[in-house]
Amino acid sequence: MAAKIRKGDKVVVLSGRDKGRTGEVIEVRPQEMRALVRGVNMVKRHQKQTAQQDGGIISKESPIHLSNLACADPKDGKATRVGFKVMADGRKLRVAKRSGVEIDG
């Protein structure tokens, strides 16, 4: 099955404390059904000092469930569902259901 949300997509958060925020997908974890989104679902972590980096409390993204994300429509940036269109040469393209515009990827 083709993935509806991929790395590099602009997504909108549908629920949770970051509801309404948008960001770019950094990483998708299909086995866990989760994704990392830049600037969304930030958590504080206590980092031990190593030779490469300093210790202290750092903020980083935590994975968010795919059901709480929706692709942003390329036309207006609002949340949209994703459909598929099969081209004449057999390629599958992702299409925004809201506007019918092809989603880059």
N, C-alpha and C. Protein backbone atom coordinates (compact mmCIF):
# COMPACT_ATOMS: atom_id res chain seq x y z
N MET A 1 0.84 -1.19 0.00
CA MET A 1 0.00 0.00 0.00
C MET A 1 0.88 1.25 0.00
N ALA A 2 0.53 2.22 -0.79
CA ALA A 2 1.29 3.46 -0.85
C ALA A 2 1.03 4.29 0.40
N ALA A 3 2.06 4.93 0.90
CA ALA A 3 1.93 5.73 2.11
C ALA A 3 1.24 7.06 1.80
N LYS A 4 0.33 7.46 2.67
CA LYS A 4 -0.37 8.73 2.47
C LYS A 4 0.43 9.89 3.01
N ILE A 5 1.21 9.66 4.06
CA ILE A 5 2.08 10.71 4.61
C ILE A 5 3.52 10.24 4.46
N ARG A 6 4.34 11.08 3.86
CA ARG A 6 5.74 10.73 3.59
C ARG A 6 6.67 11.80 4.14
N LYS A 7 7.94 11.46 4.22
CA LYS A 7 8.97 12.39 4.65
C LYS A 7 8.97 13.61 3.73
N GLY A 8 9.04 14.79 4.32
CA GLY A 8 9.06 16.02 3.53
C GLY A 8 7.69 16.66 3.33
N ASP A 9 6.61 15.95 3.65
CA ASP A 9 5.26 16.50 3.48
C ASP A 9 5.00 17.59 4.51
N LYS A 10 4.18 18.55 4.13
CA LYS A 10 3.65 19.53 5.08
C LYS A 10 2.37 18.93 5.65
N VAL A 11 2.29 18.89 6.97
CA VAL A 11 1.12 18.27 7.62
C VAL A 11 0.51 19.23 8.64
N VAL A 12 -0.77 18.97 8.96
CA VAL A 12 -1.52 19.72 9.96
C VAL A 12 -1.86 18.76 11.09
N VAL A 13 -1.68 19.20 12.34
CA VAL A 13 -2.01 18.36 13.50
C VAL A 13 -3.51 18.50 13.77
N LEU A 14 -4.21 17.36 13.86
CA LEU A 14 -5.66 17.35 14.01
C LEU A 14 -6.12 17.32 15.47
N SER A 15 -5.31 16.73 16.36
CA SER A 15 -5.74 16.65 17.75
C SER A 15 -4.53 16.65 18.67
N GLY A 16 -4.80 16.88 19.95
CA GLY A 16 -3.73 16.92 20.94
C GLY A 16 -3.37 18.35 21.30
N ARG A 17 -2.31 18.51 22.07
CA ARG A 17 -1.96 19.85 22.57
C ARG A 17 -1.45 20.76 21.46
N ASP A 18 -1.01 20.19 20.33
CA ASP A 18 -0.50 20.99 19.20
C ASP A 18 -1.53 21.11 18.09
N LYS A 19 -2.81 20.92 18.39
CA LYS A 19 -3.87 20.95 17.38
C LYS A 19 -3.82 22.25 16.58
N GLY A 20 -3.88 22.11 15.24
CA GLY A 20 -3.86 23.28 14.37
C GLY A 20 -2.48 23.69 13.89
N ARG A 21 -1.44 23.21 14.55
CA ARG A 21 -0.08 23.56 14.14
C ARG A 21 0.30 22.80 12.87
N THR A 22 1.20 23.39 12.10
CA THR A 22 1.67 22.74 10.89
C THR A 22 3.18 22.56 10.97
N GLY A 23 3.68 21.62 10.21
CA GLY A 23 5.11 21.36 10.19
C GLY A 23 5.47 20.39 9.10
N GLU A 24 6.77 20.17 8.94
CA GLU A 24 7.27 19.27 7.91
C GLU A 24 7.62 17.93 8.56
N VAL A 25 7.28 16.85 7.89
CA VAL A 25 7.58 15.51 8.40
C VAL A 25 9.08 15.25 8.24
N ILE A 26 9.74 14.94 9.36
CA ILE A 26 11.17 14.65 9.35
C ILE A 26 11.41 13.17 9.09
N GLU A 27 10.55 12.33 9.70
CA GLU A 27 10.75 10.88 9.63
C GLU A 27 9.41 10.20 9.83
N VAL A 28 9.19 9.11 9.10
CA VAL A 28 7.97 8.31 9.27
C VAL A 28 8.38 6.93 9.76
N ARG A 29 7.66 6.43 10.76
CA ARG A 29 7.92 5.10 11.32
C ARG A 29 6.68 4.24 11.07
N PRO A 30 6.64 3.55 9.91
CA PRO A 30 5.42 2.82 9.53
C PRO A 30 5.05 1.69 10.49
N GLN A 31 6.03 1.01 11.07
CA GLN A 31 5.72 -0.10 11.98
C GLN A 31 5.00 0.41 13.23
N GLU A 32 5.38 1.60 13.69
CA GLU A 32 4.78 2.18 14.90
C GLU A 32 3.56 3.04 14.56
N MET A 33 3.32 3.28 13.25
CA MET A 33 2.25 4.18 12.80
C MET A 33 2.44 5.59 13.38
N ARG A 34 3.69 6.05 13.40
CA ARG A 34 4.00 7.36 13.97
C ARG A 34 4.93 8.14 13.05
N ALA A 35 4.99 9.45 13.27
CA ALA A 35 5.87 10.30 12.47
C ALA A 35 6.47 11.38 13.36
N LEU A 36 7.66 11.85 12.99
CA LEU A 36 8.27 13.00 13.64
C LEU A 36 7.98 14.22 12.78
N VAL A 37 7.45 15.27 13.40
CA VAL A 37 7.12 16.49 12.68
C VAL A 37 7.92 17.64 13.30
N ARG A 38 8.60 18.42 12.44
CA ARG A 38 9.46 19.50 12.93
C ARG A 38 8.66 20.54 13.71
N GLY A 39 9.07 20.76 14.97
CA GLY A 39 8.45 21.79 15.80
C GLY A 39 7.14 21.40 16.45
N VAL A 40 6.72 20.14 16.32
CA VAL A 40 5.44 19.69 16.87
C VAL A 40 5.69 18.58 17.89
N ASN A 41 4.88 18.56 18.96
CA ASN A 41 4.98 17.55 20.01
C ASN A 41 6.36 17.56 20.66
N MET A 42 6.81 18.77 21.02
CA MET A 42 8.13 18.94 21.63
C MET A 42 8.11 18.44 23.07
N VAL A 43 9.19 17.77 23.47
CA VAL A 43 9.35 17.29 24.84
C VAL A 43 10.74 17.68 25.32
N LYS A 44 10.89 17.78 26.64
CA LYS A 44 12.18 18.08 27.24
C LYS A 44 12.85 16.78 27.65
N ARG A 45 14.11 16.64 27.36
CA ARG A 45 14.86 15.44 27.72
C ARG A 45 16.13 15.84 28.46
N HIS A 46 16.43 15.11 29.52
CA HIS A 46 17.69 15.33 30.24
C HIS A 46 18.78 14.57 29.50
N GLN A 47 19.77 15.30 29.01
CA GLN A 47 20.82 14.71 28.18
C GLN A 47 22.11 14.63 28.99
N LYS A 48 22.68 13.46 29.04
CA LYS A 48 23.96 13.28 29.73
C LYS A 48 25.07 13.83 28.85
N GLN A 49 26.08 14.42 29.46
CA GLN A 49 27.19 14.99 28.69
C GLN A 49 28.04 13.88 28.08
N THR A 50 28.40 14.06 26.81
CA THR A 50 29.29 13.12 26.13
C THR A 50 30.44 13.92 25.53
N ALA A 51 31.36 13.22 24.90
CA ALA A 51 32.49 13.90 24.27
C ALA A 51 32.02 14.77 23.11
N GLN A 52 30.93 14.37 22.45
CA GLN A 52 30.45 15.11 21.28
C GLN A 52 29.53 16.28 21.65
N GLN A 53 28.71 16.13 22.71
CA GLN A 53 27.76 17.21 23.02
C GLN A 53 27.64 17.46 24.50
N ASP A 54 27.18 18.67 24.82
CA ASP A 54 27.03 19.06 26.21
C ASP A 54 25.81 18.41 26.84
N GLY A 55 25.84 18.35 28.17
CA GLY A 55 24.69 17.83 28.89
C GLY A 55 23.69 18.93 29.14
N GLY A 56 22.58 18.59 29.79
CA GLY A 56 21.56 19.58 30.12
C GLY A 56 20.20 19.12 29.64
N ILE A 57 19.25 20.04 29.72
CA ILE A 57 17.88 19.73 29.30
C ILE A 57 17.70 20.24 27.88
N ILE A 58 17.38 19.33 26.96
CA ILE A 58 17.20 19.71 25.56
C ILE A 58 15.75 19.47 25.15
N SER A 59 15.29 20.25 24.19
CA SER A 59 13.95 20.05 23.61
C SER A 59 14.09 19.33 22.30
N LYS A 60 13.25 18.31 22.10
CA LYS A 60 13.28 17.61 20.82
C LYS A 60 11.88 17.12 20.48
N GLU A 61 11.71 16.76 19.20
CA GLU A 61 10.41 16.29 18.74
C GLU A 61 10.17 14.86 19.23
N SER A 62 8.92 14.58 19.56
CA SER A 62 8.51 13.24 19.94
C SER A 62 7.58 12.73 18.84
N PRO A 63 7.58 11.42 18.58
CA PRO A 63 6.71 10.90 17.52
C PRO A 63 5.23 11.15 17.82
N ILE A 64 4.47 11.43 16.78
CA ILE A 64 3.03 11.67 16.91
C ILE A 64 2.32 10.65 16.02
N HIS A 65 1.17 10.14 16.47
CA HIS A 65 0.47 9.10 15.73
C HIS A 65 -0.06 9.63 14.40
N LEU A 66 0.01 8.80 13.36
CA LEU A 66 -0.41 9.22 12.02
C LEU A 66 -1.89 9.60 11.96
N SER A 67 -2.71 9.02 12.84
CA SER A 67 -4.14 9.35 12.83
C SER A 67 -4.38 10.78 13.28
N ASN A 68 -3.41 11.39 13.93
CA ASN A 68 -3.55 12.77 14.39
C ASN A 68 -2.96 13.77 13.40
N LEU A 69 -2.55 13.29 12.23
CA LEU A 69 -1.96 14.16 11.20
C LEU A 69 -2.78 14.10 9.93
N ALA A 70 -2.79 15.19 9.19
CA ALA A 70 -3.40 15.23 7.86
C ALA A 70 -2.49 16.06 6.96
N CYS A 71 -2.39 15.66 5.71
CA CYS A 71 -1.59 16.43 4.75
C CYS A 71 -2.20 17.81 4.59
N ALA A 72 -1.33 18.81 4.40
CA ALA A 72 -1.80 20.16 4.14
C ALA A 72 -2.05 20.30 2.64
N ASP A 73 -3.19 20.87 2.28
CA ASP A 73 -3.53 21.08 0.88
C ASP A 73 -2.52 22.05 0.26
N PRO A 74 -1.89 21.69 -0.87
CA PRO A 74 -0.90 22.59 -1.48
C PRO A 74 -1.50 23.93 -1.90
N LYS A 75 -2.81 23.98 -2.12
CA LYS A 75 -3.47 25.20 -2.58
C LYS A 75 -3.66 26.21 -1.45
N ASP A 76 -4.25 25.76 -0.32
CA ASP A 76 -4.57 26.71 0.75
C ASP A 76 -3.98 26.37 2.12
N GLY A 77 -3.28 25.24 2.23
CA GLY A 77 -2.61 24.89 3.49
C GLY A 77 -3.51 24.29 4.54
N LYS A 78 -4.79 24.08 4.23
CA LYS A 78 -5.70 23.47 5.20
C LYS A 78 -5.60 21.95 5.11
N ALA A 79 -6.07 21.27 6.17
CA ALA A 79 -6.00 19.81 6.23
C ALA A 79 -6.85 19.18 5.14
N THR A 80 -6.33 18.13 4.51
CA THR A 80 -7.06 17.44 3.46
C THR A 80 -6.79 15.95 3.54
N ARG A 81 -7.74 15.18 3.02
CA ARG A 81 -7.51 13.75 2.88
C ARG A 81 -6.71 13.52 1.61
N VAL A 82 -6.09 12.34 1.51
CA VAL A 82 -5.24 12.03 0.36
C VAL A 82 -5.88 10.91 -0.45
N GLY A 83 -5.97 11.14 -1.75
CA GLY A 83 -6.45 10.11 -2.66
C GLY A 83 -5.34 9.77 -3.64
N PHE A 84 -5.59 8.80 -4.49
CA PHE A 84 -4.58 8.39 -5.47
C PHE A 84 -5.17 8.45 -6.87
N LYS A 85 -4.32 8.82 -7.82
CA LYS A 85 -4.71 8.85 -9.22
C LYS A 85 -3.66 8.07 -9.99
N VAL A 86 -4.10 7.10 -10.80
CA VAL A 86 -3.16 6.29 -11.58
C VAL A 86 -3.00 6.95 -12.95
N MET A 87 -1.76 7.24 -13.29
CA MET A 87 -1.48 7.88 -14.57
C MET A 87 -1.49 6.84 -15.70
N ALA A 88 -1.46 7.30 -16.93
CA ALA A 88 -1.50 6.41 -18.10
C ALA A 88 -0.29 5.48 -18.15
N ASP A 89 0.85 5.97 -17.64
CA ASP A 89 2.07 5.14 -17.66
C ASP A 89 2.17 4.22 -16.44
N GLY A 90 1.14 4.18 -15.59
CA GLY A 90 1.12 3.25 -14.46
C GLY A 90 1.58 3.85 -13.14
N ARG A 91 2.06 5.10 -13.13
CA ARG A 91 2.50 5.73 -11.88
C ARG A 91 1.29 6.11 -11.03
N LYS A 92 1.45 6.00 -9.70
CA LYS A 92 0.40 6.42 -8.78
C LYS A 92 0.79 7.78 -8.23
N LEU A 93 -0.10 8.75 -8.33
CA LEU A 93 0.16 10.07 -7.78
C LEU A 93 -0.78 10.33 -6.62
N ARG A 94 -0.27 11.00 -5.59
CA ARG A 94 -1.12 11.39 -4.48
C ARG A 94 -1.83 12.69 -4.84
N VAL A 95 -3.13 12.74 -4.52
CA VAL A 95 -3.95 13.89 -4.88
C VAL A 95 -4.69 14.36 -3.63
N ALA A 96 -4.76 15.68 -3.44
CA ALA A 96 -5.52 16.26 -2.33
C ALA A 96 -7.01 16.17 -2.66
N LYS A 97 -7.79 15.54 -1.78
CA LYS A 97 -9.22 15.38 -2.02
C LYS A 97 -9.94 16.74 -1.98
N ARG A 98 -9.41 17.66 -1.21
CA ARG A 98 -10.04 18.96 -1.02
C ARG A 98 -10.06 19.78 -2.29
N SER A 99 -8.92 19.82 -3.00
CA SER A 99 -8.81 20.69 -4.19
C SER A 99 -8.52 19.94 -5.47
N GLY A 100 -8.12 18.67 -5.37
CA GLY A 100 -7.77 17.90 -6.56
C GLY A 100 -6.37 18.15 -7.06
N VAL A 101 -5.59 18.94 -6.32
CA VAL A 101 -4.22 19.26 -6.72
C VAL A 101 -3.29 18.10 -6.36
N GLU A 102 -2.32 17.82 -7.22
CA GLU A 102 -1.35 16.76 -6.94
C GLU A 102 -0.42 17.19 -5.81
N ILE A 103 -0.13 16.24 -4.90
CA ILE A 103 0.78 16.50 -3.79
C ILE A 103 2.18 16.09 -4.24
N ASP A 104 3.13 16.99 -4.12
CA ASP A 104 4.50 16.71 -4.54
C ASP A 104 5.04 15.53 -3.73
N GLY A 105 5.86 14.74 -4.35
CA GLY A 105 6.46 13.65 -3.58
C GLY A 105 6.71 12.53 -4.44
